[in-house]
Amino acid sequence: MHRNNRSINRYSAAFLRGMLFSLLMLASGIALAEGMSAMDWMQKMSSAMQGLSYQGRFVYLQGSHLESMSITHINNAQGVRERLLSLNGEAREILRDNNNLTCVWPSSRQVVVDRSNQKTASPLWVPEDVEKLSAIYQFSVVGKNRVADQPTVVVSIMPRDEYRFGMKVWINENNGLMLQSVVMDDQHQVREQIMFTDLQPIDNDHPLVFSVMPKINEGFSLVQSHNGADDLQQAADTRWQLSSLPAGFSVDSAFRKKMPDSDTYIQQMVLSDGMASASIFIEPTSAESLIGETSMGAVNAFGVRYNEFTITAIGEVPAITVRQLAQAVTYQN
């Protein structure tokens, strides 16, 4: 009996020493990160993701959907250009520059050309105004880790209300590039995750072309076109108004867009709080119109009838947010 007690005590002592060592290592890691505040790290990440040119591969998990992609991001005197290539499932390639967003689907032999928009073209989140975010999110450094064989600082971004999701980002200590991000709901369940397996800065003069897909010829169909013509996109109908918005959200842009091969116009409002984003679509009700709510990963949507129109709000925000946005739309004669 005494021998068993001595064995238990010996193992307990070893366990406690191991725990103490782990706690000391964690404390030292956090202490190393404390030289810069969470806001400092976020500003460094924002500057790096917007100012540097880089190339890498990442995995993207949304709900049960897992995708592997490569990215090349160029920022030079000609502006920002970006190329995304899917590495599993149906092949597709996306090229974005200052004006256009071009998507190629070789299996269906289709090309989509539309207006460039970084927020919708890339799954990577890049904050533009870090200081503004501090009023609606709480930032804190929560540790250090290693991602893609690089040392990182982990920053927690928690919402101050129920109208947006929380997030964690893993920031490369050396160059500030984001190597991993996780979107979490109010139950701390992961809704969406991005993790780089490799990400390296590259020269600003790196060539950026469609280098993998087959040559586009007359066998491809153009399913949507943007060439700057006024008849494709018009000023928004200002009689559509929003009665109220969740704190921090504002309308980034609003416009009407003519649907291809149709005389129908859809009005779109794009909203953001600087981190979370959502869109409101107003269109004539049809058999395909969404009524009620649906979700996929971090994306929630809610549709409601308004006379002969359907108003649909969709975005990477909680269900309560898209519901409030859709129900806030009114028409003022």
Protein backbone atom coordinates (compact mmCIF):
# COMPACT_ATOMS: atom_id res chain seq x y z
CA MET A 1 0.00 0.00 0.00
CA HIS A 2 2.78 2.43 0.94
CA ARG A 3 4.63 1.51 -2.25
CA ASN A 4 1.51 2.25 -4.32
CA ASN A 5 1.14 5.60 -2.58
CA ARG A 6 4.77 6.41 -3.32
CA SER A 7 4.23 5.53 -7.01
CA ILE A 8 1.14 7.71 -7.19
CA ASN A 9 2.99 10.58 -5.51
CA ARG A 10 5.92 10.18 -7.90
CA TYR A 11 3.66 10.26 -10.96
CA SER A 12 1.69 13.16 -9.50
CA ALA A 13 4.88 15.11 -8.92
CA ALA A 14 6.04 14.43 -12.47
CA PHE A 15 2.64 15.47 -13.79
CA LEU A 16 2.70 18.69 -11.79
CA ARG A 17 6.23 19.48 -12.97
CA GLY A 18 5.06 18.95 -16.57
CA MET A 19 2.05 21.17 -16.03
CA LEU A 20 4.22 23.87 -14.45
CA PHE A 21 6.66 23.70 -17.36
CA SER A 22 3.78 24.02 -19.86
CA LEU A 23 2.33 26.99 -17.99
CA LEU A 24 5.71 28.70 -17.87
CA MET A 25 6.18 28.16 -21.62
CA LEU A 26 2.71 29.54 -22.34
CA ALA A 27 3.32 32.51 -20.07
CA SER A 28 6.64 33.24 -21.73
CA GLY A 29 4.99 33.03 -25.16
CA ILE A 30 2.30 35.51 -24.18
CA ALA A 31 4.90 37.74 -22.56
CA LEU A 32 6.85 37.86 -25.83
CA ALA A 33 3.69 38.98 -27.62
CA GLU A 34 2.94 41.63 -25.01
CA GLY A 35 5.56 43.94 -26.52
CA MET A 36 2.85 44.82 -29.04
CA SER A 37 -0.84 45.23 -28.24
CA ALA A 38 -3.57 43.31 -30.04
CA MET A 39 -4.41 46.47 -31.98
CA ASP A 40 -0.75 46.83 -32.98
CA TRP A 41 -0.75 43.28 -34.34
CA MET A 42 -4.00 43.88 -36.22
CA GLN A 43 -2.58 47.04 -37.77
CA LYS A 44 0.55 45.14 -38.78
CA MET A 45 -1.59 42.42 -40.37
CA SER A 46 -3.73 44.97 -42.21
CA SER A 47 -0.67 46.73 -43.61
CA ALA A 48 0.96 43.45 -44.66
CA MET A 49 -2.11 41.93 -46.34
CA GLN A 50 -2.80 45.14 -48.25
CA GLY A 51 0.74 46.29 -48.98
CA LEU A 52 2.78 43.15 -49.61
CA SER A 53 2.80 40.83 -52.60
CA TYR A 54 2.53 37.17 -51.63
CA GLN A 55 1.86 33.66 -52.90
CA GLY A 56 0.67 30.54 -51.11
CA ARG A 57 -1.79 27.70 -50.62
CA PHE A 58 -4.57 27.41 -48.08
CA VAL A 59 -7.47 25.18 -47.08
CA TYR A 60 -10.91 26.73 -46.68
CA LEU A 61 -13.56 25.06 -44.51
CA GLN A 62 -17.12 26.39 -44.65
CA GLY A 63 -19.66 24.19 -42.88
CA SER A 64 -18.95 20.69 -44.18
CA HIS A 65 -17.42 21.97 -47.42
CA LEU A 66 -13.61 21.72 -47.56
CA GLU A 67 -11.64 23.33 -50.37
CA SER A 68 -7.98 23.75 -51.22
CA MET A 69 -6.87 26.85 -53.10
CA SER A 70 -3.78 28.70 -54.21
CA ILE A 71 -3.45 32.47 -54.23
CA THR A 72 -1.11 34.96 -55.85
CA HIS A 73 -1.53 38.56 -54.71
CA ILE A 74 0.39 41.37 -56.43
CA ASN A 75 0.48 44.98 -55.22
CA ASN A 76 2.57 47.38 -57.28
CA ALA A 77 2.39 50.66 -59.20
CA GLN A 78 -0.26 49.19 -61.53
CA GLY A 79 -2.56 48.49 -58.59
CA VAL A 80 -3.73 45.28 -56.93
CA ARG A 81 -4.08 42.05 -58.90
CA GLU A 82 -4.99 38.66 -57.53
CA ARG A 83 -5.30 35.12 -58.84
CA LEU A 84 -7.17 32.31 -57.06
CA LEU A 85 -7.09 28.71 -58.29
CA SER A 86 -9.12 25.82 -56.90
CA LEU A 87 -7.02 22.72 -56.28
CA ASN A 88 -9.80 20.18 -55.64
CA GLY A 89 -13.27 19.52 -56.98
CA GLU A 90 -14.39 21.32 -60.11
CA ALA A 91 -11.51 23.35 -61.52
CA ARG A 92 -11.97 27.10 -61.64
CA GLU A 93 -9.75 30.12 -61.74
CA ILE A 94 -10.42 33.69 -60.64
CA LEU A 95 -8.43 36.73 -61.70
CA ARG A 96 -9.07 40.13 -60.12
CA ASP A 97 -7.58 43.49 -60.99
CA ASN A 98 -8.55 47.11 -60.32
CA ASN A 99 -11.57 46.96 -62.63
CA ASN A 100 -12.64 43.42 -63.42
CA LEU A 101 -13.29 40.08 -61.76
CA THR A 102 -12.91 37.22 -64.26
CA CYS A 103 -13.92 33.64 -63.39
CA VAL A 104 -13.24 30.67 -65.66
CA TRP A 105 -15.11 27.36 -65.31
CA PRO A 106 -13.40 25.00 -67.82
CA SER A 107 -15.59 21.93 -67.24
CA SER A 108 -18.75 23.87 -68.13
CA ARG A 109 -16.78 26.10 -70.53
CA GLN A 110 -18.10 29.31 -69.05
CA VAL A 111 -16.54 32.69 -68.32
CA VAL A 112 -17.96 35.25 -65.90
CA VAL A 113 -16.72 38.84 -66.06
CA ASP A 114 -17.96 41.28 -63.44
CA ARG A 115 -16.91 44.33 -61.47
CA SER A 116 -13.95 43.88 -59.16
CA ASN A 117 -14.68 43.71 -55.44
CA GLN A 118 -12.05 42.42 -53.01
CA LYS A 119 -14.60 41.65 -50.29
CA THR A 120 -16.46 39.18 -52.49
CA ALA A 121 -13.62 37.96 -54.69
CA SER A 122 -11.44 36.53 -51.96
CA PRO A 123 -12.26 34.48 -48.83
CA LEU A 124 -9.40 36.21 -46.99
CA TRP A 125 -10.42 38.95 -44.57
CA VAL A 126 -8.34 42.13 -44.59
CA PRO A 127 -9.35 44.90 -42.14
CA GLU A 128 -9.16 48.41 -43.55
CA ASP A 129 -9.83 50.54 -40.46
CA VAL A 130 -8.61 48.74 -37.34
CA GLU A 131 -9.33 51.66 -34.99
CA LYS A 132 -12.98 51.80 -36.04
CA LEU A 133 -13.40 48.12 -35.19
CA SER A 134 -12.44 48.66 -31.53
CA ALA A 135 -15.84 50.25 -30.82
CA ILE A 136 -17.74 47.06 -31.74
CA TYR A 137 -15.13 44.32 -31.14
CA GLN A 138 -12.79 43.55 -28.27
CA PHE A 139 -9.24 42.60 -29.28
CA SER A 140 -6.80 40.61 -27.16
CA VAL A 141 -3.57 38.66 -27.64
CA VAL A 142 -4.29 35.13 -26.43
CA GLY A 143 -1.06 33.29 -27.19
CA LYS A 144 1.47 32.14 -29.73
CA ASN A 145 1.48 29.17 -32.08
CA ARG A 146 3.03 27.80 -35.27
CA VAL A 147 1.21 27.72 -38.61
CA ALA A 148 2.75 26.70 -41.96
CA ASP A 149 6.06 26.27 -40.09
CA GLN A 150 6.01 29.97 -39.15
CA PRO A 151 5.79 31.57 -35.67
CA THR A 152 2.49 33.35 -35.12
CA VAL A 153 0.73 35.55 -32.58
CA VAL A 154 -2.92 34.64 -31.95
CA VAL A 155 -5.38 37.54 -31.65
CA SER A 156 -8.94 37.03 -30.43
CA ILE A 157 -11.64 39.34 -31.87
CA MET A 158 -14.86 39.13 -29.85
CA PRO A 159 -18.04 41.09 -30.69
CA ARG A 160 -19.54 43.45 -28.13
CA ASP A 161 -23.11 42.49 -29.14
CA GLU A 162 -25.09 39.67 -30.77
CA TYR A 163 -25.10 41.06 -34.31
CA ARG A 164 -21.74 39.73 -35.48
CA PHE A 165 -19.52 36.68 -35.18
CA GLY A 166 -16.26 36.41 -33.26
CA MET A 167 -12.95 35.58 -34.84
CA LYS A 168 -9.38 34.49 -34.15
CA VAL A 169 -6.45 35.26 -36.43
CA TRP A 170 -2.94 33.83 -36.44
CA ILE A 171 -0.47 36.53 -37.56
CA ASN A 172 3.05 35.82 -38.80
CA GLU A 173 5.38 37.39 -36.24
CA ASN A 174 7.97 38.30 -38.87
CA ASN A 175 6.05 39.82 -41.78
CA GLY A 176 2.49 40.32 -40.45
CA LEU A 177 0.74 38.10 -43.00
CA MET A 178 -2.35 36.27 -41.76
CA LEU A 179 -1.72 32.51 -41.75
CA GLN A 180 -4.98 31.29 -40.22
CA SER A 181 -8.42 32.62 -39.35
CA VAL A 182 -11.41 31.08 -37.57
CA VAL A 183 -14.95 32.50 -37.50
CA MET A 184 -16.92 31.47 -34.39
CA ASP A 185 -20.56 31.89 -33.40
CA ASP A 186 -21.86 32.92 -29.97
CA GLN A 187 -21.51 29.30 -28.79
CA HIS A 188 -17.82 29.36 -29.80
CA GLN A 189 -18.53 26.82 -32.52
CA VAL A 190 -16.33 27.15 -35.61
CA ARG A 191 -18.41 28.30 -38.60
CA GLU A 192 -15.60 28.94 -41.05
CA GLN A 193 -11.85 28.39 -41.11
CA ILE A 194 -8.93 29.27 -43.36
CA MET A 195 -5.43 27.92 -42.83
CA PHE A 196 -2.40 28.42 -45.03
CA THR A 197 -0.07 25.50 -45.54
CA ASP A 198 2.41 27.81 -47.23
CA LEU A 199 2.54 31.60 -47.65
CA GLN A 200 5.57 33.58 -48.80
CA PRO A 201 6.18 37.20 -49.83
CA ILE A 202 7.10 37.58 -53.52
CA ASP A 203 8.46 40.33 -55.77
CA ASN A 204 6.00 43.01 -56.90
CA ASP A 205 6.82 42.30 -60.57
CA HIS A 206 5.79 38.63 -60.33
CA PRO A 207 3.84 37.63 -63.49
CA LEU A 208 0.12 37.07 -62.95
CA VAL A 209 -1.71 35.30 -65.78
CA PHE A 210 -4.14 32.46 -66.39
CA SER A 211 -1.40 29.84 -66.43
CA VAL A 212 -3.23 26.59 -65.62
CA MET A 213 -6.59 26.69 -67.36
CA PRO A 214 -7.02 25.74 -71.04
CA LYS A 215 -6.95 28.50 -73.62
CA ILE A 216 -10.25 30.36 -73.77
CA ASN A 217 -11.76 30.22 -77.26
CA GLU A 218 -15.13 30.48 -78.99
CA GLY A 219 -16.20 27.25 -77.29
CA PHE A 220 -16.58 29.15 -74.02
CA SER A 221 -19.80 31.05 -73.29
CA LEU A 222 -19.85 34.46 -71.60
CA VAL A 223 -22.59 34.17 -69.00
CA GLN A 224 -22.28 37.68 -67.56
CA SER A 225 -20.48 40.72 -68.81
CA HIS A 226 -19.22 43.94 -67.31
CA ASN A 227 -17.65 46.50 -69.61
CA GLY A 228 -18.55 49.74 -67.88
CA ALA A 229 -21.74 50.20 -69.89
CA ASP A 230 -24.37 52.28 -68.11
CA ASP A 231 -27.18 49.91 -69.03
CA LEU A 232 -25.66 47.13 -66.87
CA GLN A 233 -25.49 49.05 -63.62
CA GLN A 234 -27.42 52.12 -62.60
CA ALA A 235 -27.79 54.34 -59.59
CA ALA A 236 -29.89 52.88 -56.80
CA ASP A 237 -33.57 53.66 -56.47
CA THR A 238 -33.36 55.92 -53.42
CA ARG A 239 -36.99 55.25 -52.53
CA TRP A 240 -35.78 51.99 -50.99
CA GLN A 241 -34.62 52.91 -47.49
CA LEU A 242 -33.38 51.22 -44.32
CA SER A 243 -35.31 52.13 -41.18
CA SER A 244 -32.58 50.97 -38.79
CA LEU A 245 -29.25 49.16 -38.75
CA PRO A 246 -27.33 47.20 -36.09
CA ALA A 247 -24.68 49.34 -34.40
CA GLY A 248 -21.54 49.80 -36.46
CA PHE A 249 -23.04 48.78 -39.80
CA SER A 250 -23.25 51.25 -42.65
CA VAL A 251 -24.06 51.10 -46.36
CA ASP A 252 -20.87 50.88 -48.41
CA SER A 253 -22.63 51.04 -51.76
CA ALA A 254 -26.05 50.75 -53.37
CA PHE A 255 -26.92 50.23 -57.03
CA ARG A 256 -29.32 48.60 -59.47
CA LYS A 257 -28.05 45.94 -61.83
CA LYS A 258 -29.66 44.57 -64.98
CA MET A 259 -29.76 40.80 -65.09
CA PRO A 260 -28.30 39.13 -68.21
CA ASP A 261 -30.81 38.29 -70.95
CA SER A 262 -33.60 39.97 -68.99
CA ASP A 263 -35.26 43.33 -68.50
CA THR A 264 -35.25 42.74 -64.73
CA TYR A 265 -33.22 44.95 -62.44
CA ILE A 266 -32.06 43.88 -58.99
CA GLN A 267 -31.25 46.49 -56.38
CA GLN A 268 -28.33 45.67 -54.11
CA MET A 269 -27.12 47.33 -50.92
CA VAL A 270 -23.70 46.32 -49.59
CA LEU A 271 -23.21 46.83 -45.85
CA SER A 272 -20.24 46.36 -43.55
CA ASP A 273 -19.01 47.11 -40.05
CA GLY A 274 -15.38 46.90 -41.20
CA MET A 275 -15.15 43.17 -40.45
CA ALA A 276 -18.54 41.57 -40.99
CA SER A 277 -20.32 42.21 -44.29
CA ALA A 278 -23.77 41.58 -45.72
CA SER A 279 -25.80 42.40 -48.81
CA ILE A 280 -29.47 43.17 -49.30
CA PHE A 281 -31.08 42.22 -52.62
CA ILE A 282 -34.44 43.62 -53.74
CA GLU A 283 -36.04 41.93 -56.76
CA PRO A 284 -39.44 40.99 -58.15
CA THR A 285 -40.77 37.86 -56.44
CA SER A 286 -40.31 34.64 -58.42
CA ALA A 287 -40.51 30.90 -57.85
CA GLU A 288 -36.83 30.92 -56.83
CA SER A 289 -37.22 33.66 -54.22
CA LEU A 290 -36.12 32.79 -50.69
CA ILE A 291 -38.78 33.18 -48.01
CA GLY A 292 -37.56 32.56 -44.47
CA GLU A 293 -34.03 31.66 -43.41
CA THR A 294 -31.21 29.40 -44.56
CA SER A 295 -27.51 29.03 -43.81
CA MET A 296 -24.25 27.47 -44.97
CA GLY A 297 -21.18 27.65 -42.77
CA ALA A 298 -20.79 31.22 -41.55
CA VAL A 299 -23.21 32.56 -44.19
CA ASN A 300 -26.82 33.21 -43.15
CA ALA A 301 -29.66 34.44 -45.34
CA PHE A 302 -33.21 35.62 -44.72
CA GLY A 303 -35.89 36.50 -47.26
CA VAL A 304 -39.19 38.32 -46.79
CA ARG A 305 -41.98 39.45 -49.15
CA TYR A 306 -42.65 43.17 -49.58
CA ASN A 307 -45.68 43.67 -51.86
CA GLU A 308 -44.61 42.21 -55.23
CA PHE A 309 -40.92 42.20 -54.26
CA THR A 310 -38.71 39.84 -52.26
CA ILE A 311 -36.06 41.30 -49.98
CA THR A 312 -33.15 38.98 -49.22
CA ALA A 313 -30.35 39.73 -46.77
CA ILE A 314 -27.27 37.50 -46.86
CA GLY A 315 -23.87 37.69 -45.19
CA GLU A 316 -21.30 36.19 -42.83
CA VAL A 317 -23.27 37.40 -39.81
CA PRO A 318 -25.64 35.76 -37.29
CA ALA A 319 -29.18 34.87 -38.31
CA ILE A 320 -30.60 37.67 -36.15
CA THR A 321 -28.61 40.21 -38.19
CA VAL A 322 -29.83 39.20 -41.67
CA ARG A 323 -33.37 39.01 -40.33
CA GLN A 324 -33.16 42.56 -38.96
CA LEU A 325 -31.58 43.86 -42.17
CA ALA A 326 -34.26 42.33 -44.40
CA GLN A 327 -37.08 43.57 -42.19
CA ALA A 328 -35.56 47.08 -42.00
CA VAL A 329 -36.12 47.74 -45.73
CA THR A 330 -38.97 50.11 -46.54
CA TYR A 331 -40.21 51.85 -49.68
CA GLN A 332 -40.80 55.63 -49.48
CA ASN A 333 -42.95 57.18 -52.20
